[in-house]
């Protein structure tokens, strides 16, 4: 079981996150900061997408915080706020 979880996490780190909606209703602080970061990136004539690996470096998360960050991304995908494109 532990092998599957680590490959799922590695696959998520290699994925690209695309912002679908700019809404943070019923979201926590971490989810709001992720959505705001993607929105501000889009507001500056950039793309509303960003690799998860770059987001981890931008937010400077490691260890246990990394797992919380990846869980927040999964929750946002469940709420149809972002889409995760795996390659």
N, C-alpha and C. Protein backbone atom coordinates (compact mmCIF):
# COMPACT_ATOMS: atom_id res chain seq x y z
N UNK A 1 0.81 -1.20 0.00
CA UNK A 1 0.00 0.00 0.00
C UNK A 1 0.85 1.26 0.00
N UNK A 2 1.97 1.25 0.68
CA UNK A 2 2.78 2.46 0.75
C UNK A 2 3.38 2.81 -0.59
N UNK A 3 3.67 1.82 -1.44
CA UNK A 3 4.23 2.09 -2.76
C UNK A 3 3.24 2.84 -3.64
N UNK A 4 1.98 2.51 -3.53
CA UNK A 4 0.97 3.16 -4.36
C UNK A 4 0.81 4.63 -3.97
N UNK A 5 0.82 4.93 -2.69
CA UNK A 5 0.65 6.29 -2.22
C UNK A 5 1.81 7.18 -2.69
N UNK A 6 3.03 6.66 -2.63
CA UNK A 6 4.18 7.48 -3.04
C UNK A 6 4.16 7.73 -4.54
N UNK A 7 3.73 6.75 -5.35
CA UNK A 7 3.67 6.98 -6.79
C UNK A 7 2.55 7.95 -7.13
N UNK A 8 1.45 7.92 -6.37
CA UNK A 8 0.36 8.88 -6.58
C UNK A 8 0.83 10.29 -6.26
N UNK A 9 1.59 10.45 -5.20
CA UNK A 9 2.12 11.75 -4.82
C UNK A 9 3.13 12.24 -5.84
N UNK A 10 3.98 11.35 -6.34
CA UNK A 10 4.96 11.72 -7.35
C UNK A 10 4.26 12.12 -8.64
N UNK A 11 3.18 11.43 -8.99
CA UNK A 11 2.42 11.79 -10.19
C UNK A 11 1.76 13.14 -10.05
N UNK A 12 1.30 13.46 -8.84
CA UNK A 12 0.67 14.75 -8.60
C UNK A 12 1.69 15.88 -8.66
N UNK A 13 2.91 15.62 -8.19
CA UNK A 13 3.95 16.64 -8.23
C UNK A 13 4.33 16.97 -9.67
N UNK A 14 4.25 15.99 -10.56
CA UNK A 14 4.60 16.20 -11.97
C UNK A 14 3.44 16.79 -12.78
N UNK A 15 2.28 16.96 -12.17
CA UNK A 15 1.08 17.43 -12.87
C UNK A 15 1.06 18.95 -12.99
N UNK A 16 0.10 19.42 -13.79
CA UNK A 16 -0.12 20.86 -13.97
C UNK A 16 -1.51 21.19 -13.43
N UNK A 17 -1.60 22.28 -12.68
CA UNK A 17 -2.87 22.72 -12.10
C UNK A 17 -3.41 23.88 -12.95
N UNK A 18 -4.68 23.78 -13.36
CA UNK A 18 -5.33 24.81 -14.17
C UNK A 18 -6.49 25.39 -13.38
N UNK A 19 -6.55 26.71 -13.28
CA UNK A 19 -7.63 27.38 -12.56
C UNK A 19 -8.88 27.42 -13.43
N UNK A 20 -9.99 26.92 -12.91
CA UNK A 20 -11.26 26.94 -13.63
C UNK A 20 -12.15 28.08 -13.16
N UNK A 21 -12.24 28.26 -11.83
CA UNK A 21 -13.11 29.29 -11.25
C UNK A 21 -12.35 30.04 -10.17
N UNK A 22 -12.60 31.33 -10.08
CA UNK A 22 -11.99 32.13 -9.03
C UNK A 22 -12.98 32.28 -7.89
N UNK A 23 -13.19 31.22 -7.15
CA UNK A 23 -14.08 31.26 -6.01
C UNK A 23 -13.41 30.55 -4.84
N UNK A 24 -13.54 31.12 -3.67
CA UNK A 24 -12.94 30.51 -2.48
C UNK A 24 -13.97 30.33 -1.39
N UNK A 25 -15.21 30.20 -1.75
CA UNK A 25 -16.27 30.01 -0.78
C UNK A 25 -16.09 28.65 -0.11
N UNK A 26 -16.14 28.61 1.20
CA UNK A 26 -15.98 27.39 2.00
C UNK A 26 -14.60 26.76 1.84
N UNK A 27 -13.60 27.56 1.59
CA UNK A 27 -12.23 27.05 1.47
C UNK A 27 -11.40 27.52 2.66
N UNK A 28 -10.38 26.76 2.96
CA UNK A 28 -9.47 27.12 4.03
C UNK A 28 -8.44 28.14 3.56
N UNK A 29 -7.56 28.51 4.46
CA UNK A 29 -6.56 29.54 4.15
C UNK A 29 -5.60 29.06 3.06
N UNK A 30 -5.18 27.81 3.12
CA UNK A 30 -4.25 27.29 2.13
C UNK A 30 -4.90 27.22 0.74
N UNK A 31 -6.14 26.76 0.68
CA UNK A 31 -6.84 26.70 -0.61
C UNK A 31 -7.01 28.10 -1.19
N UNK A 32 -7.35 29.08 -0.33
CA UNK A 32 -7.50 30.46 -0.80
C UNK A 32 -6.20 31.00 -1.36
N UNK A 33 -5.09 30.70 -0.70
CA UNK A 33 -3.81 31.21 -1.18
C UNK A 33 -3.42 30.57 -2.51
N UNK A 34 -3.77 29.29 -2.72
CA UNK A 34 -3.49 28.64 -4.00
C UNK A 34 -4.31 29.27 -5.11
N UNK A 35 -5.61 29.46 -4.88
CA UNK A 35 -6.48 30.07 -5.89
C UNK A 35 -6.05 31.50 -6.18
N UNK A 36 -5.74 32.27 -5.15
CA UNK A 36 -5.30 33.66 -5.36
C UNK A 36 -3.99 33.72 -6.14
N UNK A 37 -3.08 32.79 -5.87
CA UNK A 37 -1.82 32.77 -6.60
C UNK A 37 -2.05 32.49 -8.09
N UNK A 38 -2.91 31.52 -8.39
CA UNK A 38 -3.21 31.21 -9.79
C UNK A 38 -3.95 32.36 -10.46
N UNK A 39 -4.85 33.02 -9.71
CA UNK A 39 -5.61 34.14 -10.29
C UNK A 39 -4.70 35.33 -10.59
N UNK A 40 -3.82 35.66 -9.66
CA UNK A 40 -2.91 36.79 -9.88
C UNK A 40 -1.95 36.51 -11.02
N UNK A 41 -1.58 35.26 -11.17
CA UNK A 41 -0.72 34.88 -12.30
C UNK A 41 -1.47 35.11 -13.61
N UNK A 42 -2.77 34.83 -13.62
CA UNK A 42 -3.60 35.01 -14.81
C UNK A 42 -3.87 36.50 -15.05
N UNK A 43 -4.03 37.28 -13.99
CA UNK A 43 -4.34 38.70 -14.12
C UNK A 43 -3.20 39.47 -14.77
N UNK A 44 -1.98 38.99 -14.64
CA UNK A 44 -0.82 39.64 -15.24
C UNK A 44 -0.58 39.14 -16.65
N UNK A 45 -1.63 38.78 -17.37
CA UNK A 45 -1.56 38.27 -18.74
C UNK A 45 -0.77 36.99 -18.86
N UNK A 46 -0.71 36.23 -17.80
CA UNK A 46 -0.07 34.93 -17.83
C UNK A 46 -1.13 33.85 -18.01
N UNK A 47 -0.71 32.63 -17.97
CA UNK A 47 -1.65 31.53 -18.10
C UNK A 47 -2.18 31.15 -16.72
N UNK A 48 -3.44 30.73 -16.63
CA UNK A 48 -3.99 30.33 -15.33
C UNK A 48 -3.60 28.90 -14.96
N UNK A 49 -2.42 28.51 -15.36
CA UNK A 49 -1.96 27.16 -15.06
C UNK A 49 -0.52 27.22 -14.57
N UNK A 50 -0.15 26.21 -13.78
CA UNK A 50 1.19 26.20 -13.21
C UNK A 50 1.51 24.78 -12.77
N UNK A 51 2.73 24.31 -13.01
CA UNK A 51 3.10 22.98 -12.51
C UNK A 51 3.11 22.94 -10.99
N UNK A 52 2.72 21.81 -10.44
CA UNK A 52 2.67 21.65 -9.00
C UNK A 52 4.07 21.78 -8.40
N UNK A 53 5.06 21.30 -9.12
CA UNK A 53 6.44 21.38 -8.64
C UNK A 53 6.85 22.84 -8.44
N UNK A 54 6.48 23.72 -9.37
CA UNK A 54 6.79 25.14 -9.23
C UNK A 54 6.02 25.77 -8.08
N UNK A 55 4.78 25.32 -7.88
CA UNK A 55 3.98 25.84 -6.77
C UNK A 55 4.59 25.45 -5.43
N UNK A 56 5.11 24.23 -5.34
CA UNK A 56 5.77 23.80 -4.10
C UNK A 56 6.98 24.67 -3.80
N UNK A 57 7.72 25.05 -4.84
CA UNK A 57 8.88 25.91 -4.64
C UNK A 57 8.45 27.33 -4.29
N UNK A 58 7.39 27.82 -4.91
CA UNK A 58 6.91 29.18 -4.63
C UNK A 58 6.41 29.31 -3.20
N UNK A 59 5.64 28.32 -2.75
CA UNK A 59 5.10 28.36 -1.39
C UNK A 59 6.10 27.85 -0.35
N UNK A 60 7.22 27.32 -0.78
CA UNK A 60 8.30 26.83 0.08
C UNK A 60 7.79 25.83 1.12
N UNK A 61 7.14 24.77 0.66
CA UNK A 61 6.63 23.74 1.55
C UNK A 61 7.48 22.48 1.45
N UNK A 62 7.76 21.88 2.58
CA UNK A 62 8.51 20.63 2.65
C UNK A 62 7.94 19.77 3.76
N UNK A 63 8.24 18.51 3.72
CA UNK A 63 7.84 17.59 4.79
C UNK A 63 6.34 17.44 4.94
N UNK A 64 5.86 17.60 6.15
CA UNK A 64 4.43 17.43 6.45
C UNK A 64 3.59 18.50 5.75
N UNK A 65 4.13 19.70 5.63
CA UNK A 65 3.41 20.78 4.95
C UNK A 65 3.19 20.45 3.48
N UNK A 66 4.11 19.68 2.88
CA UNK A 66 3.96 19.28 1.48
C UNK A 66 2.73 18.39 1.31
N UNK A 67 2.53 17.46 2.23
CA UNK A 67 1.35 16.59 2.16
C UNK A 67 0.07 17.39 2.34
N UNK A 68 0.06 18.36 3.25
CA UNK A 68 -1.12 19.21 3.43
C UNK A 68 -1.39 20.03 2.17
N UNK A 69 -0.34 20.51 1.52
CA UNK A 69 -0.48 21.28 0.30
C UNK A 69 -1.09 20.43 -0.81
N UNK A 70 -0.60 19.20 -0.97
CA UNK A 70 -1.13 18.31 -2.01
C UNK A 70 -2.57 17.92 -1.70
N UNK A 71 -2.92 17.75 -0.43
CA UNK A 71 -4.30 17.46 -0.06
C UNK A 71 -5.21 18.64 -0.38
N UNK A 72 -4.71 19.86 -0.18
CA UNK A 72 -5.50 21.05 -0.50
C UNK A 72 -5.76 21.12 -2.00
N UNK A 73 -4.78 20.77 -2.80
CA UNK A 73 -4.97 20.76 -4.26
C UNK A 73 -6.01 19.73 -4.65
N UNK A 74 -5.99 18.56 -4.01
CA UNK A 74 -6.99 17.52 -4.30
C UNK A 74 -8.38 17.98 -3.90
N UNK A 75 -8.51 18.69 -2.76
CA UNK A 75 -9.82 19.20 -2.35
C UNK A 75 -10.34 20.23 -3.33
N UNK A 76 -9.47 21.09 -3.83
CA UNK A 76 -9.89 22.08 -4.81
C UNK A 76 -10.36 21.42 -6.10
N UNK A 77 -9.71 20.32 -6.48
CA UNK A 77 -10.15 19.61 -7.68
C UNK A 77 -11.52 18.97 -7.45
N UNK A 78 -11.75 18.43 -6.27
CA UNK A 78 -13.04 17.83 -5.95
C UNK A 78 -14.16 18.85 -6.03
N UNK A 79 -13.86 20.11 -5.68
CA UNK A 79 -14.86 21.19 -5.71
C UNK A 79 -14.96 21.85 -7.08
N UNK A 80 -14.26 21.32 -8.07
CA UNK A 80 -14.26 21.84 -9.44
C UNK A 80 -13.80 23.29 -9.53
N UNK A 81 -12.83 23.65 -8.71
CA UNK A 81 -12.24 24.99 -8.77
C UNK A 81 -10.99 24.96 -9.63
N UNK A 82 -10.25 23.86 -9.56
CA UNK A 82 -9.07 23.67 -10.40
C UNK A 82 -9.18 22.33 -11.09
N UNK A 83 -8.35 22.13 -12.11
CA UNK A 83 -8.26 20.83 -12.79
C UNK A 83 -6.80 20.41 -12.75
N UNK A 84 -6.56 19.14 -12.47
CA UNK A 84 -5.21 18.61 -12.44
C UNK A 84 -4.98 17.83 -13.73
N UNK A 85 -3.99 18.25 -14.50
CA UNK A 85 -3.64 17.57 -15.74
C UNK A 85 -2.37 16.78 -15.49
N UNK A 86 -2.48 15.45 -15.51
CA UNK A 86 -1.33 14.59 -15.26
C UNK A 86 -0.70 14.20 -16.58
N UNK A 87 0.61 14.18 -16.59
CA UNK A 87 1.35 13.81 -17.80
C UNK A 87 2.22 12.61 -17.54
